[in-house]
Protein backbone atom coordinates (compact mmCIF):
# COMPACT_ATOMS: atom_id res chain seq x y z
CA UNK A 1 -40.20 90.35 -21.47
CA UNK A 2 -41.67 88.89 -24.63
CA UNK A 3 -38.97 86.36 -24.92
CA UNK A 4 -39.40 85.31 -21.29
CA UNK A 5 -43.23 84.82 -21.85
CA UNK A 6 -42.47 82.96 -25.16
CA UNK A 7 -40.07 80.57 -23.10
CA UNK A 8 -42.96 79.95 -20.66
CA UNK A 9 -45.38 79.16 -23.38
CA UNK A 10 -42.96 76.87 -25.00
CA UNK A 11 -42.33 75.09 -21.68
CA UNK A 12 -45.92 74.63 -21.16
CA UNK A 13 -46.67 73.23 -24.62
CA UNK A 14 -43.52 71.22 -24.97
CA UNK A 15 -43.41 67.42 -25.41
CA UNK A 16 -44.36 65.46 -22.12
CA UNK A 17 -41.21 64.50 -20.06
CA UNK A 18 -41.08 60.70 -19.23
CA UNK A 19 -39.59 59.32 -16.18
CA UNK A 20 -39.50 55.76 -15.86
CA UNK A 21 -39.32 54.22 -12.17
CA UNK A 22 -38.84 50.43 -11.66
CA UNK A 23 -40.03 49.26 -8.36
CA UNK A 24 -39.70 45.81 -7.02
CA UNK A 25 -41.26 44.68 -3.79
CA UNK A 26 -42.17 41.60 -1.72
CA UNK A 27 -45.20 43.48 -0.36
CA UNK A 28 -48.51 44.45 -1.62
CA UNK A 29 -47.99 47.94 -0.11
CA UNK A 30 -45.51 49.53 -2.52
CA UNK A 31 -44.24 53.02 -1.66
CA UNK A 32 -41.53 55.16 -3.26
CA UNK A 33 -39.52 58.02 -1.79
CA UNK A 34 -36.99 58.96 -4.54
CA UNK A 35 -33.78 60.38 -3.36
CA UNK A 36 -33.12 62.96 -4.49
CA UNK A 37 -36.70 64.22 -4.75
CA UNK A 38 -38.10 64.56 -8.32
CA UNK A 39 -38.39 68.37 -8.94
CA UNK A 40 -41.33 69.31 -11.01
CA UNK A 41 -42.00 72.80 -12.70
CA UNK A 42 -44.46 74.62 -10.81
CA UNK A 43 -45.82 76.42 -14.00
CA UNK A 44 -46.80 73.01 -15.55
CA UNK A 45 -49.55 70.57 -15.15
CA UNK A 46 -48.59 66.95 -14.75
CA UNK A 47 -50.14 63.72 -15.12
CA UNK A 48 -48.89 60.32 -13.86
CA UNK A 49 -49.58 56.92 -15.35
CA UNK A 50 -48.87 53.35 -14.68
CA UNK A 51 -47.60 52.04 -18.01
CA UNK A 52 -46.75 48.47 -17.27
CA UNK A 53 -47.53 46.31 -14.27
CA UNK A 54 -46.13 42.83 -13.66
CA UNK A 55 -46.76 40.36 -10.73
CA UNK A 56 -45.82 36.76 -10.34
CA UNK A 57 -48.52 34.44 -9.76
CA UNK A 58 -47.65 33.43 -6.29
CA UNK A 59 -50.68 33.80 -4.01
CA UNK A 60 -49.78 31.91 -0.87
CA UNK A 61 -52.43 29.03 -0.24
CA UNK A 62 -50.63 27.79 2.79
CA UNK A 63 -49.93 29.85 5.92
CA UNK A 64 -50.15 29.67 9.58
CA UNK A 65 -53.86 29.33 9.66
CA UNK A 66 -54.20 26.25 7.37
CA UNK A 67 -50.85 24.52 7.11
CA UNK A 68 -51.29 21.30 9.20
CA UNK A 69 -51.36 17.95 7.67
CA UNK A 70 -52.66 15.38 10.54
CA UNK A 71 -52.27 11.49 9.90
CA UNK A 72 -52.13 8.33 11.87
CA UNK A 73 -50.14 5.44 10.89
CA UNK A 74 -51.66 3.29 13.42
CA UNK A 75 -55.42 3.28 12.85
CA UNK A 76 -56.04 6.49 14.97
CA UNK A 77 -54.04 5.31 18.02
CA UNK A 78 -51.38 7.98 17.57
CA UNK A 79 -51.62 11.07 15.41
CA UNK A 80 -48.66 12.92 13.74
CA UNK A 81 -48.76 16.50 12.74
CA UNK A 82 -46.74 17.64 9.66
CA UNK A 83 -46.43 21.48 9.31
CA UNK A 84 -46.48 22.64 5.83
CA UNK A 85 -44.10 25.80 5.30
CA UNK A 86 -46.01 28.79 4.14
CA UNK A 87 -46.10 29.20 0.48
CA UNK A 88 -47.85 28.84 -2.92
CA UNK A 89 -48.36 25.15 -3.62
CA UNK A 90 -49.67 23.11 -6.30
CA UNK A 91 -50.94 19.79 -5.31
CA UNK A 92 -47.82 18.11 -6.95
CA UNK A 93 -45.55 20.27 -4.73
CA UNK A 94 -47.91 19.82 -1.67
CA UNK A 95 -47.70 16.04 -2.14
CA UNK A 96 -43.76 16.25 -2.54
CA UNK A 97 -43.50 18.25 0.79
CA UNK A 98 -45.63 15.95 2.77
CA UNK A 99 -43.99 12.78 1.46
CA UNK A 100 -40.42 14.46 2.18
CA UNK A 101 -41.59 14.99 5.80
CA UNK A 102 -43.11 11.40 6.03
CA UNK A 103 -39.94 9.92 4.77
CA UNK A 104 -37.94 11.99 7.49
CA UNK A 105 -40.43 10.47 10.18
CA UNK A 106 -39.88 7.01 8.53
CA UNK A 107 -43.66 6.78 7.85
CA UNK A 108 -43.41 5.14 4.57
CA UNK A 109 -42.81 1.70 3.04
CA UNK A 110 -39.08 1.37 3.68
CA UNK A 111 -38.88 -2.05 1.82
CA UNK A 112 -40.27 -0.78 -1.34
CA UNK A 113 -39.47 2.75 -0.89
CA UNK A 114 -43.14 3.81 -1.41
CA UNK A 115 -45.30 6.27 0.17
CA UNK A 116 -48.74 5.21 1.97
CA UNK A 117 -50.28 8.65 1.12
CA UNK A 118 -50.23 10.20 -2.06
CA UNK A 119 -52.08 13.40 -3.32
CA UNK A 120 -52.92 13.92 -6.97
CA UNK A 121 -55.17 15.77 -9.26
CA UNK A 122 -58.27 14.72 -11.16
CA UNK A 123 -58.40 17.58 -13.66
CA UNK A 124 -61.58 16.39 -15.52
CA UNK A 125 -63.70 16.70 -12.16
CA UNK A 126 -61.51 19.29 -10.61
CA UNK A 127 -60.84 17.05 -7.50
CA UNK A 128 -57.96 16.15 -5.48
CA UNK A 129 -57.38 12.40 -5.00
CA UNK A 130 -55.76 11.19 -1.83
CA UNK A 131 -54.64 7.70 -2.16
CA UNK A 132 -54.03 5.87 1.17
CA UNK A 133 -52.44 2.59 0.46
CA UNK A 134 -52.21 1.06 3.92
CA UNK A 135 -55.26 0.00 6.02
CA UNK A 136 -53.82 1.50 9.25
CA UNK A 137 -53.23 4.92 7.76
CA UNK A 138 -55.74 7.73 8.29
CA UNK A 139 -56.09 11.54 7.53
CA UNK A 140 -57.75 13.88 10.10
CA UNK A 141 -59.55 16.52 8.30
CA UNK A 142 -61.45 17.91 11.34
CA UNK A 143 -58.82 19.81 13.17
CA UNK A 144 -58.21 23.59 13.30
CA UNK A 145 -55.65 24.61 10.75
CA UNK A 146 -56.44 21.99 8.15
CA UNK A 147 -56.97 23.12 4.53
CA UNK A 148 -60.00 21.28 3.26
CA UNK A 149 -60.72 20.92 -0.46
CA UNK A 150 -63.54 19.24 -2.16
CA UNK A 151 -61.79 15.78 -2.43
CA UNK A 152 -62.30 12.24 -3.33
CA UNK A 153 -60.62 9.72 -1.07
CA UNK A 154 -59.59 6.51 -2.73
CA UNK A 155 -58.36 3.53 -0.38
């Protein structure tokens, strides 16, 4: 009886166990159901701690609610809607995607292989610069689904 009591005392006072669990998820709702279940000694007290957490800096800034880029190549007579795929874009990647789609639509200077609309960043003033290099090109920022930034437009 004394030996059994001593074993219980040693078990309660013994070094804490560690059970590392690695979780990977594409969602912000992370749940785990270990199989088989983790069996804990009912005679002990337990604590759970998050030792390390890592997340990629991928906050989507374009989704179905704000992914339209609307432009005209003929002074507002006709308008073209470009849909940006959902994702986390920096201005450079956003510019590349818009120019890629404009190239597919043949809405660029095919002779000189130059785009009429270019997005860039002015880091000193925290602004997005939009260069429109053709007098007939326009951008419509007034439609639903348009992402608006503080912007400087250079023509």
